[in-house]
Amino acid sequence: MPASRQNLLRKAFVHVYTGNGKGKTTASLGLALRVLGAGGKVFFAQFIKGGILSSEFNALLEFPDFTLKRYGKGRFLREKPSPEDIAIARRGLEEACGELSSGRHDLVVLDELNGAMAAGLFSVGHALKAISSRHPSTELVITGRNAPEELIDSADLVTDMSPAKHYLDAGIKARKGIEF
């Protein structure tokens, strides 16, 4: 094992970033950058999201120890998911479970896992089973609005991002490099 990773292999925790405010994915990306800067390896799984990557991924994908997998065709939060959406998400959860249990990564992020559960792509029970397979030295971050109570109860750290004020509410459009 590389000496740079020896410091990262210690007791690891489960984080949940939830709430209606902005910054859940951004916070998880900041932690990913911190792990990479310490010589660690990151597996970043995105559920639901598809299409154009937000700008921060352009930088993170330059790191050889950063792996991004996307398990969605795009946002359908206002629509009922198709059978294809469900199949993609379930394959993604299975693959992410394998990465969680492998011990190959210092950090695994399950971005929008909460949204995937809320959309009915898979059950809370399926997600909790995947989480329980986590290797003891793999830190885990789960993001998305509406984290179920069972997930909150099983986490070691829960951050609720709540909006106090946002310029998007005044009609300002999302800006490249800031919002995406």
N, C-alpha and C. Protein backbone atom coordinates (compact mmCIF):
# COMPACT_ATOMS: atom_id res chain seq x y z
N MET A 1 0.84 -1.19 0.00
CA MET A 1 0.00 0.00 0.00
C MET A 1 0.88 1.24 0.00
N PRO A 2 0.58 2.24 -0.85
CA PRO A 2 1.38 3.46 -0.87
C PRO A 2 1.36 4.15 0.49
N ALA A 3 2.51 4.69 0.87
CA ALA A 3 2.61 5.36 2.17
C ALA A 3 1.62 6.51 2.28
N SER A 4 1.33 7.19 1.17
CA SER A 4 0.42 8.33 1.22
C SER A 4 -0.99 7.92 1.63
N ARG A 5 -1.37 6.67 1.39
CA ARG A 5 -2.73 6.22 1.74
C ARG A 5 -2.80 5.67 3.16
N GLN A 6 -1.66 5.33 3.77
CA GLN A 6 -1.69 4.73 5.09
C GLN A 6 -2.38 5.63 6.11
N ASN A 7 -2.21 6.94 5.98
CA ASN A 7 -2.83 7.87 6.92
C ASN A 7 -4.34 7.92 6.75
N LEU A 8 -4.84 7.58 5.58
CA LEU A 8 -6.27 7.65 5.34
C LEU A 8 -7.02 6.43 5.84
N LEU A 9 -6.33 5.31 5.99
CA LEU A 9 -7.01 4.08 6.41
C LEU A 9 -7.16 4.08 7.93
N ARG A 10 -8.31 4.51 8.38
CA ARG A 10 -8.65 4.62 9.79
C ARG A 10 -10.16 4.45 9.91
N LYS A 11 -10.69 4.61 11.09
CA LYS A 11 -12.15 4.50 11.21
C LYS A 11 -12.79 5.54 10.31
N ALA A 12 -13.78 5.11 9.59
CA ALA A 12 -14.46 6.00 8.65
C ALA A 12 -15.92 6.15 9.07
N PHE A 13 -16.56 7.19 8.56
CA PHE A 13 -17.90 7.54 8.98
C PHE A 13 -18.84 7.71 7.79
N VAL A 14 -20.14 7.79 8.12
CA VAL A 14 -21.18 8.02 7.12
C VAL A 14 -21.71 9.43 7.31
N HIS A 15 -21.65 10.24 6.25
CA HIS A 15 -22.15 11.61 6.24
C HIS A 15 -23.43 11.66 5.41
N VAL A 16 -24.37 12.47 5.83
CA VAL A 16 -25.57 12.76 5.03
C VAL A 16 -25.68 14.27 4.91
N TYR A 17 -25.70 14.76 3.66
CA TYR A 17 -25.92 16.18 3.37
C TYR A 17 -27.29 16.28 2.73
N THR A 18 -28.23 16.88 3.44
CA THR A 18 -29.61 16.93 2.97
C THR A 18 -30.17 18.34 3.14
N GLY A 19 -31.43 18.52 2.84
CA GLY A 19 -32.09 19.81 3.01
C GLY A 19 -32.41 20.47 1.67
N ASN A 20 -33.16 21.55 1.75
CA ASN A 20 -33.63 22.25 0.56
C ASN A 20 -32.67 23.32 0.06
N GLY A 21 -31.59 23.55 0.79
CA GLY A 21 -30.64 24.58 0.40
C GLY A 21 -29.62 24.11 -0.62
N LYS A 22 -28.92 25.08 -1.19
CA LYS A 22 -27.89 24.84 -2.19
C LYS A 22 -26.61 24.36 -1.48
N GLY A 23 -25.85 23.47 -2.12
CA GLY A 23 -24.52 23.17 -1.62
C GLY A 23 -24.25 21.74 -1.21
N LYS A 24 -25.20 20.84 -1.35
CA LYS A 24 -24.99 19.46 -0.91
C LYS A 24 -23.94 18.76 -1.77
N THR A 25 -24.13 18.80 -3.07
CA THR A 25 -23.15 18.18 -3.98
C THR A 25 -21.83 18.93 -3.89
N THR A 26 -21.87 20.25 -3.82
CA THR A 26 -20.65 21.05 -3.74
C THR A 26 -19.85 20.68 -2.49
N ALA A 27 -20.52 20.48 -1.37
CA ALA A 27 -19.83 20.08 -0.14
C ALA A 27 -19.16 18.72 -0.31
N SER A 28 -19.86 17.80 -0.97
CA SER A 28 -19.27 16.47 -1.17
C SER A 28 -18.07 16.54 -2.11
N LEU A 29 -18.12 17.43 -3.08
CA LEU A 29 -16.99 17.60 -3.99
C LEU A 29 -15.80 18.24 -3.28
N GLY A 30 -16.07 19.12 -2.34
CA GLY A 30 -14.99 19.70 -1.55
C GLY A 30 -14.29 18.64 -0.71
N LEU A 31 -15.06 17.74 -0.12
CA LEU A 31 -14.48 16.64 0.65
C LEU A 31 -13.69 15.71 -0.27
N ALA A 32 -14.21 15.46 -1.47
CA ALA A 32 -13.49 14.63 -2.44
C ALA A 32 -12.13 15.25 -2.77
N LEU A 33 -12.10 16.56 -2.99
CA LEU A 33 -10.85 17.24 -3.27
C LEU A 33 -9.88 17.12 -2.10
N ARG A 34 -10.41 17.23 -0.91
CA ARG A 34 -9.56 17.09 0.28
C ARG A 34 -8.94 15.69 0.35
N VAL A 35 -9.74 14.67 0.10
CA VAL A 35 -9.24 13.29 0.12
C VAL A 35 -8.17 13.10 -0.97
N LEU A 36 -8.44 13.60 -2.16
CA LEU A 36 -7.47 13.49 -3.25
C LEU A 36 -6.18 14.22 -2.90
N GLY A 37 -6.30 15.39 -2.29
CA GLY A 37 -5.13 16.16 -1.89
C GLY A 37 -4.29 15.45 -0.85
N ALA A 38 -4.92 14.57 -0.07
CA ALA A 38 -4.20 13.79 0.95
C ALA A 38 -3.68 12.47 0.39
N GLY A 39 -3.82 12.28 -0.93
CA GLY A 39 -3.31 11.06 -1.56
C GLY A 39 -4.30 9.92 -1.61
N GLY A 40 -5.57 10.19 -1.33
CA GLY A 40 -6.58 9.14 -1.31
C GLY A 40 -7.25 8.92 -2.64
N LYS A 41 -8.16 7.94 -2.65
CA LYS A 41 -8.92 7.57 -3.85
C LYS A 41 -10.40 7.82 -3.60
N VAL A 42 -11.09 8.30 -4.65
CA VAL A 42 -12.50 8.67 -4.53
C VAL A 42 -13.31 8.01 -5.63
N PHE A 43 -14.45 7.45 -5.24
CA PHE A 43 -15.46 6.96 -6.19
C PHE A 43 -16.69 7.82 -5.99
N PHE A 44 -17.13 8.51 -7.05
CA PHE A 44 -18.24 9.45 -6.98
C PHE A 44 -19.35 8.94 -7.88
N ALA A 45 -20.46 8.52 -7.29
CA ALA A 45 -21.60 8.00 -8.03
C ALA A 45 -22.71 9.04 -8.03
N GLN A 46 -23.21 9.38 -9.22
CA GLN A 46 -24.32 10.33 -9.32
C GLN A 46 -25.56 9.60 -9.79
N PHE A 47 -26.61 9.70 -8.99
CA PHE A 47 -27.91 9.15 -9.36
C PHE A 47 -28.77 10.27 -9.92
N ILE A 48 -29.67 9.94 -10.82
CA ILE A 48 -30.63 10.84 -11.46
C ILE A 48 -29.95 11.79 -12.44
N LYS A 49 -28.89 12.47 -12.01
CA LYS A 49 -28.27 13.50 -12.84
C LYS A 49 -27.71 12.90 -14.12
N GLY A 50 -27.85 13.65 -15.17
CA GLY A 50 -27.32 13.26 -16.47
C GLY A 50 -27.06 14.51 -17.26
N GLY A 51 -26.65 14.37 -18.49
CA GLY A 51 -26.40 15.53 -19.33
C GLY A 51 -25.05 16.14 -19.03
N ILE A 52 -24.98 17.44 -19.11
CA ILE A 52 -23.72 18.17 -18.97
C ILE A 52 -23.24 18.10 -17.52
N LEU A 53 -21.95 17.84 -17.35
CA LEU A 53 -21.35 17.85 -16.02
C LEU A 53 -21.18 19.27 -15.54
N SER A 54 -21.34 19.49 -14.23
CA SER A 54 -21.05 20.81 -13.70
C SER A 54 -19.53 21.01 -13.70
N SER A 55 -19.10 22.25 -13.70
CA SER A 55 -17.72 22.63 -14.00
C SER A 55 -16.67 22.01 -13.08
N GLU A 56 -17.00 21.81 -11.81
CA GLU A 56 -15.99 21.29 -10.88
C GLU A 56 -15.49 19.90 -11.29
N PHE A 57 -16.31 19.15 -12.00
CA PHE A 57 -15.87 17.82 -12.45
C PHE A 57 -14.74 17.92 -13.47
N ASN A 58 -14.71 19.01 -14.25
CA ASN A 58 -13.62 19.18 -15.21
C ASN A 58 -12.27 19.15 -14.51
N ALA A 59 -12.19 19.73 -13.33
CA ALA A 59 -10.94 19.73 -12.57
C ALA A 59 -10.71 18.38 -11.89
N LEU A 60 -11.74 17.84 -11.25
CA LEU A 60 -11.56 16.59 -10.50
C LEU A 60 -11.24 15.41 -11.41
N LEU A 61 -11.75 15.40 -12.62
CA LEU A 61 -11.46 14.29 -13.53
C LEU A 61 -10.01 14.26 -13.99
N GLU A 62 -9.27 15.32 -13.70
CA GLU A 62 -7.83 15.34 -13.99
C GLU A 62 -7.05 14.48 -13.00
N PHE A 63 -7.64 14.18 -11.86
CA PHE A 63 -6.98 13.35 -10.85
C PHE A 63 -7.14 11.88 -11.25
N PRO A 64 -6.05 11.14 -11.34
CA PRO A 64 -6.17 9.72 -11.71
C PRO A 64 -6.89 8.88 -10.67
N ASP A 65 -6.96 9.34 -9.43
CA ASP A 65 -7.61 8.57 -8.37
C ASP A 65 -9.04 9.03 -8.10
N PHE A 66 -9.64 9.76 -9.05
CA PHE A 66 -11.03 10.19 -8.95
C PHE A 66 -11.81 9.47 -10.04
N THR A 67 -12.82 8.71 -9.62
CA THR A 67 -13.67 7.98 -10.56
C THR A 67 -15.09 8.51 -10.44
N LEU A 68 -15.68 8.87 -11.58
CA LEU A 68 -17.05 9.34 -11.63
C LEU A 68 -17.88 8.36 -12.44
N LYS A 69 -19.00 7.93 -11.87
CA LYS A 69 -19.97 7.10 -12.58
C LYS A 69 -21.33 7.77 -12.44
N ARG A 70 -22.07 7.82 -13.54
CA ARG A 70 -23.38 8.45 -13.53
C ARG A 70 -24.45 7.41 -13.83
N TYR A 71 -25.48 7.40 -13.00
CA TYR A 71 -26.54 6.41 -13.10
C TYR A 71 -27.89 7.11 -13.30
N GLY A 72 -27.99 7.82 -14.38
CA GLY A 72 -29.23 8.51 -14.70
C GLY A 72 -29.13 9.14 -16.07
N LYS A 73 -30.28 9.39 -16.65
CA LYS A 73 -30.35 10.00 -17.97
C LYS A 73 -30.55 11.50 -17.87
N GLY A 74 -30.93 11.96 -16.73
CA GLY A 74 -31.20 13.37 -16.55
C GLY A 74 -32.19 13.57 -15.43
N ARG A 75 -32.57 14.77 -15.22
CA ARG A 75 -33.49 15.08 -14.12
C ARG A 75 -34.92 14.81 -14.55
N PHE A 76 -35.63 14.05 -13.76
CA PHE A 76 -37.04 13.77 -14.04
C PHE A 76 -37.84 13.92 -12.76
N LEU A 77 -37.36 14.74 -11.87
CA LEU A 77 -37.96 14.83 -10.55
C LEU A 77 -39.43 15.22 -10.60
N ARG A 78 -39.88 15.81 -11.69
CA ARG A 78 -41.29 16.19 -11.79
C ARG A 78 -42.10 15.16 -12.58
N GLU A 79 -41.43 14.14 -13.07
CA GLU A 79 -42.08 13.10 -13.86
C GLU A 79 -41.92 11.75 -13.17
N LYS A 80 -42.72 10.81 -13.59
CA LYS A 80 -42.57 9.45 -13.09
C LYS A 80 -41.39 8.79 -13.81
N PRO A 81 -40.52 8.08 -13.06
CA PRO A 81 -39.37 7.45 -13.72
C PRO A 81 -39.82 6.32 -14.65
N SER A 82 -39.08 6.18 -15.73
CA SER A 82 -39.36 5.11 -16.69
C SER A 82 -38.73 3.81 -16.18
N PRO A 83 -39.13 2.66 -16.74
CA PRO A 83 -38.46 1.41 -16.38
C PRO A 83 -36.95 1.46 -16.64
N GLU A 84 -36.55 2.20 -17.69
CA GLU A 84 -35.12 2.34 -17.97
C GLU A 84 -34.42 3.13 -16.87
N ASP A 85 -35.05 4.21 -16.39
CA ASP A 85 -34.49 4.99 -15.28
C ASP A 85 -34.28 4.11 -14.05
N ILE A 86 -35.28 3.29 -13.76
CA ILE A 86 -35.21 2.41 -12.59
C ILE A 86 -34.09 1.39 -12.76
N ALA A 87 -33.98 0.80 -13.94
CA ALA A 87 -32.94 -0.21 -14.19
C ALA A 87 -31.55 0.41 -14.07
N ILE A 88 -31.36 1.61 -14.62
CA ILE A 88 -30.05 2.28 -14.54
C ILE A 88 -29.69 2.54 -13.09
N ALA A 89 -30.63 3.06 -12.31
CA ALA A 89 -30.37 3.38 -10.91
C ALA A 89 -30.06 2.12 -10.09
N ARG A 90 -30.80 1.07 -10.34
CA ARG A 90 -30.57 -0.16 -9.57
C ARG A 90 -29.22 -0.79 -9.91
N ARG A 91 -28.85 -0.75 -11.19
CA ARG A 91 -27.50 -1.22 -11.56
C ARG A 91 -26.45 -0.35 -10.88
N GLY A 92 -26.71 0.95 -10.84
CA GLY A 92 -25.78 1.87 -10.18
C GLY A 92 -25.64 1.59 -8.70
N LEU A 93 -26.74 1.33 -8.03
CA LEU A 93 -26.67 1.03 -6.61
C LEU A 93 -25.88 -0.25 -6.37
N GLU A 94 -26.08 -1.24 -7.23
CA GLU A 94 -25.34 -2.50 -7.12
C GLU A 94 -23.84 -2.27 -7.33
N GLU A 95 -23.50 -1.48 -8.35
CA GLU A 95 -22.08 -1.19 -8.61
C GLU A 95 -21.47 -0.38 -7.47
N ALA A 96 -22.21 0.61 -6.98
CA ALA A 96 -21.71 1.42 -5.87
C ALA A 96 -21.52 0.57 -4.62
N CYS A 97 -22.41 -0.39 -4.40
CA CYS A 97 -22.27 -1.32 -3.27
C CYS A 97 -20.96 -2.09 -3.37
N GLY A 98 -20.63 -2.52 -4.58
CA GLY A 98 -19.36 -3.22 -4.79
C GLY A 98 -18.17 -2.33 -4.47
N GLU A 99 -18.25 -1.07 -4.89
CA GLU A 99 -17.16 -0.13 -4.61
C GLU A 99 -17.07 0.18 -3.12
N LEU A 100 -18.22 0.30 -2.46
CA LEU A 100 -18.24 0.57 -1.02
C LEU A 100 -17.60 -0.56 -0.22
N SER A 101 -17.83 -1.77 -0.62
CA SER A 101 -17.34 -2.91 0.15
C SER A 101 -15.92 -3.32 -0.22
N SER A 102 -15.40 -2.80 -1.31
CA SER A 102 -14.10 -3.25 -1.83
C SER A 102 -12.90 -2.81 -1.01
N GLY A 103 -13.00 -1.67 -0.35
CA GLY A 103 -11.85 -1.11 0.36
C GLY A 103 -10.87 -0.41 -0.57
N ARG A 104 -11.19 -0.29 -1.86
CA ARG A 104 -10.30 0.36 -2.84
C ARG A 104 -10.32 1.88 -2.75
N HIS A 105 -11.37 2.43 -2.14
CA HIS A 105 -11.54 3.89 -2.12
C HIS A 105 -11.56 4.38 -0.68
N ASP A 106 -10.97 5.56 -0.49
CA ASP A 106 -11.01 6.20 0.83
C ASP A 106 -12.33 6.92 1.04
N LEU A 107 -12.94 7.37 -0.07
CA LEU A 107 -14.22 8.07 -0.01
C LEU A 107 -15.11 7.58 -1.14
N VAL A 108 -16.35 7.29 -0.80
CA VAL A 108 -17.38 7.01 -1.80
C VAL A 108 -18.50 8.03 -1.57
N VAL A 109 -18.91 8.70 -2.65
CA VAL A 109 -20.01 9.66 -2.60
C VAL A 109 -21.17 9.08 -3.40
N LEU A 110 -22.33 9.05 -2.78
CA LEU A 110 -23.57 8.63 -3.46
C LEU A 110 -24.43 9.89 -3.60
N ASP A 111 -24.15 10.63 -4.67
CA ASP A 111 -24.79 11.92 -4.90
C ASP A 111 -26.21 11.72 -5.39
N GLU A 112 -27.15 12.41 -4.77
CA GLU A 112 -28.58 12.34 -5.07
C GLU A 112 -29.19 10.96 -4.78
N LEU A 113 -28.57 10.21 -3.88
CA LEU A 113 -29.16 8.94 -3.47
C LEU A 113 -30.53 9.18 -2.83
N ASN A 114 -30.64 10.24 -2.03
CA ASN A 114 -31.93 10.54 -1.40
C ASN A 114 -33.00 10.83 -2.44
N GLY A 115 -32.65 11.57 -3.47
CA GLY A 115 -33.59 11.86 -4.54
C GLY A 115 -34.00 10.61 -5.29
N ALA A 116 -33.06 9.71 -5.47
CA ALA A 116 -33.36 8.45 -6.16
C ALA A 116 -34.35 7.62 -5.35
N MET A 117 -34.17 7.61 -4.02
CA MET A 117 -35.13 6.88 -3.18
C MET A 117 -36.50 7.54 -3.23
N ALA A 118 -36.52 8.88 -3.12
CA ALA A 118 -37.78 9.61 -3.12
C ALA A 118 -38.53 9.43 -4.45
N ALA A 119 -37.77 9.26 -5.54
CA ALA A 119 -38.38 9.08 -6.87
C ALA A 119 -38.84 7.65 -7.10
N GLY A 120 -38.54 6.75 -6.16
CA GLY A 120 -38.96 5.36 -6.29
C GLY A 120 -38.06 4.51 -7.17
N LEU A 121 -36.82 4.94 -7.35
CA LEU A 121 -35.88 4.16 -8.16
C LEU A 121 -35.44 2.89 -7.44
N PHE A 122 -35.38 2.97 -6.13
CA PHE A 122 -35.15 1.81 -5.27
C PHE A 122 -35.60 2.19 -3.87
N SER A 123 -35.73 1.21 -3.01
CA SER A 123 -36.27 1.45 -1.68
C SER A 123 -35.19 1.90 -0.70
N VAL A 124 -35.65 2.45 0.41
CA VAL A 124 -34.74 2.81 1.49
C VAL A 124 -34.02 1.56 1.98
N GLY A 125 -34.74 0.44 2.05
CA GLY A 125 -34.13 -0.82 2.48
C GLY A 125 -32.97 -1.24 1.59
N HIS A 126 -33.15 -1.10 0.27
CA HIS A 126 -32.05 -1.44 -0.66
C HIS A 126 -30.85 -0.53 -0.42
N ALA A 127 -31.11 0.75 -0.21
CA ALA A 127 -30.01 1.69 0.02
C ALA A 127 -29.30 1.38 1.34
N LEU A 128 -30.05 1.09 2.39
CA LEU A 128 -29.44 0.78 3.68
C LEU A 128 -28.62 -0.50 3.62
N LYS A 129 -29.08 -1.46 2.82
CA LYS A 129 -28.31 -2.70 2.64
C LYS A 129 -26.97 -2.39 1.98
N ALA A 130 -26.99 -1.54 0.97
CA ALA A 130 -25.74 -1.15 0.30
C ALA A 130 -24.81 -0.44 1.28
N ILE A 131 -25.37 0.46 2.06
CA ILE A 131 -24.56 1.22 3.02
C ILE A 131 -23.95 0.29 4.07
N SER A 132 -24.70 -0.71 4.48
CA SER A 132 -24.19 -1.64 5.50
C SER A 132 -23.04 -2.49 4.99
N SER A 133 -22.86 -2.55 3.67
CA SER A 133 -21.75 -3.33 3.11
C SER A 133 -20.45 -2.53 3.08
N ARG A 134 -20.49 -1.31 3.54
CA ARG A 134 -19.33 -0.40 3.48
C ARG A 134 -18.12 -0.99 4.19
N HIS A 135 -16.97 -0.90 3.53
CA HIS A 135 -15.70 -1.31 4.13
C HIS A 135 -15.42 -0.38 5.32
N PRO A 136 -14.89 -0.88 6.43
CA PRO A 136 -14.71 -0.05 7.62
C PRO A 136 -13.80 1.16 7.42
N SER A 137 -12.92 1.14 6.40
CA SER A 137 -12.03 2.28 6.19
C SER A 137 -12.50 3.20 5.07
N THR A 138 -13.71 3.00 4.58
CA THR A 138 -14.24 3.84 3.49
C THR A 138 -15.23 4.85 4.05
N GLU A 139 -14.89 6.11 3.91
CA GLU A 139 -15.80 7.20 4.29
C GLU A 139 -16.91 7.25 3.25
N LEU A 140 -18.12 7.55 3.68
CA LEU A 140 -19.26 7.58 2.77
C LEU A 140 -20.02 8.88 2.93
N VAL A 141 -20.33 9.52 1.80
CA VAL A 141 -21.18 10.71 1.80
C VAL A 141 -22.40 10.42 0.94
N ILE A 142 -23.57 10.76 1.47
CA ILE A 142 -24.84 10.61 0.76
C ILE A 142 -25.48 11.99 0.68
N THR A 143 -25.90 12.38 -0.53
CA THR A 143 -26.49 13.70 -0.69
C THR A 143 -27.92 13.61 -1.20
N GLY A 144 -28.60 14.72 -1.12
CA GLY A 144 -29.93 14.86 -1.69
C GLY A 144 -30.95 15.32 -0.68
N ARG A 145 -31.97 15.97 -1.18
CA ARG A 145 -33.08 16.43 -0.34
C ARG A 145 -33.84 15.24 0.23
N ASN A 146 -34.57 15.50 1.27
CA ASN A 146 -35.52 14.53 1.83
C ASN A 146 -34.87 13.22 2.28
N ALA A 147 -33.78 13.31 3.00
CA ALA A 147 -33.16 12.09 3.53
C ALA A 147 -34.17 11.39 4.44
N PRO A 148 -34.39 10.09 4.22
CA PRO A 148 -35.34 9.37 5.08
C PRO A 148 -34.79 9.23 6.51
N GLU A 149 -35.71 9.17 7.46
CA GLU A 149 -35.32 9.07 8.87
C GLU A 149 -34.41 7.88 9.14
N GLU A 150 -34.67 6.75 8.48
CA GLU A 150 -33.83 5.56 8.70
C GLU A 150 -32.38 5.84 8.32
N LEU A 151 -32.18 6.61 7.27
CA LEU A 151 -30.82 6.96 6.84
C LEU A 151 -30.20 7.94 7.82
N ILE A 152 -30.95 8.93 8.23
CA ILE A 152 -30.44 9.90 9.20
C ILE A 152 -30.04 9.19 10.49
N ASP A 153 -30.86 8.26 10.94
CA ASP A 153 -30.57 7.52 12.16
C ASP A 153 -29.30 6.69 12.05
N SER A 154 -29.00 6.18 10.86
CA SER A 154 -27.84 5.32 10.69
C SER A 154 -26.55 6.09 10.41
N ALA A 155 -26.64 7.39 10.14
CA ALA A 155 -25.47 8.21 9.81
C ALA A 155 -24.73 8.66 11.05
N ASP A 156 -23.45 8.98 10.85
CA ASP A 156 -22.63 9.52 11.93
C ASP A 156 -22.64 11.05 11.94
N LEU A 157 -22.86 11.64 10.78
CA LEU A 157 -22.87 13.09 10.62
C LEU A 157 -24.01 13.45 9.68
N VAL A 158 -24.85 14.38 10.07
CA VAL A 158 -25.95 14.83 9.22
C VAL A 158 -25.90 16.35 9.17
N THR A 159 -25.85 16.89 7.96
CA THR A 159 -25.90 18.33 7.75
C THR A 159 -27.15 18.65 6.95
N ASP A 160 -27.95 19.55 7.48
CA ASP A 160 -29.17 19.97 6.80
C ASP A 160 -28.92 21.36 6.21
N MET A 161 -28.82 21.41 4.90
CA MET A 161 -28.61 22.68 4.20
C MET A 161 -29.97 23.36 4.06
N SER A 162 -30.16 24.46 4.76
CA SER A 162 -31.45 25.14 4.67
C SER A 162 -31.25 26.52 4.06
N PRO A 163 -32.10 26.87 3.11
CA PRO A 163 -31.94 28.17 2.45
C PRO A 163 -32.44 29.31 3.34
N ALA A 164 -31.65 30.35 3.43
CA ALA A 164 -32.08 31.56 4.12
C ALA A 164 -32.39 32.65 3.09
N LYS A 165 -31.59 32.70 2.03
CA LYS A 165 -31.78 33.69 0.98
C LYS A 165 -30.99 33.23 -0.22
N HIS A 166 -31.53 33.40 -1.41
CA HIS A 166 -30.81 33.00 -2.63
C HIS A 166 -31.21 33.92 -3.77
N TYR A 167 -30.24 34.40 -4.51
CA TYR A 167 -30.51 35.32 -5.62
C TYR A 167 -31.26 34.64 -6.77
N LEU A 168 -31.27 33.33 -6.84
CA LEU A 168 -32.06 32.65 -7.87
C LEU A 168 -33.55 32.94 -7.68
N ASP A 169 -33.95 33.16 -6.42
CA ASP A 169 -35.35 33.48 -6.13
C ASP A 169 -35.76 34.83 -6.72
N ALA A 170 -34.78 35.68 -7.03
CA ALA A 170 -35.04 36.99 -7.64
C ALA A 170 -34.98 36.91 -9.16
N GLY A 171 -34.90 35.69 -9.69
CA GLY A 171 -34.90 35.52 -11.14
C GLY A 171 -33.53 35.48 -11.78
N ILE A 172 -32.47 35.50 -10.99
CA ILE A 172 -31.12 35.41 -11.54
C ILE A 172 -30.91 33.99 -12.05
N LYS A 173 -30.44 33.85 -13.27
CA LYS A 173 -30.21 32.52 -13.85
C LYS A 173 -28.91 31.91 -13.33
N ALA A 174 -28.86 30.58 -13.30
CA ALA A 174 -27.66 29.87 -12.87
C ALA A 174 -26.49 30.26 -13.77
N ARG A 175 -25.32 30.45 -13.15
CA ARG A 175 -24.14 30.90 -13.87
C ARG A 175 -23.08 29.82 -13.92
N LYS A 176 -22.49 29.63 -15.09
CA LYS A 176 -21.41 28.63 -15.23
C LYS A 176 -20.25 29.05 -14.34
N GLY A 177 -19.70 28.07 -13.64
CA GLY A 177 -18.59 28.33 -12.75
C GLY A 177 -19.01 28.71 -11.34
N ILE A 178 -20.28 29.03 -11.14
CA ILE A 178 -20.79 29.34 -9.81
C ILE A 178 -21.87 28.33 -9.41
N GLU A 179 -22.94 28.23 -10.17
CA GLU A 179 -24.00 27.27 -9.87
C GLU A 179 -23.80 25.93 -10.58
N PHE A 180 -23.04 25.92 -11.65
CA PHE A 180 -22.80 24.66 -12.35
C PHE A 180 -21.44 24.69 -13.02
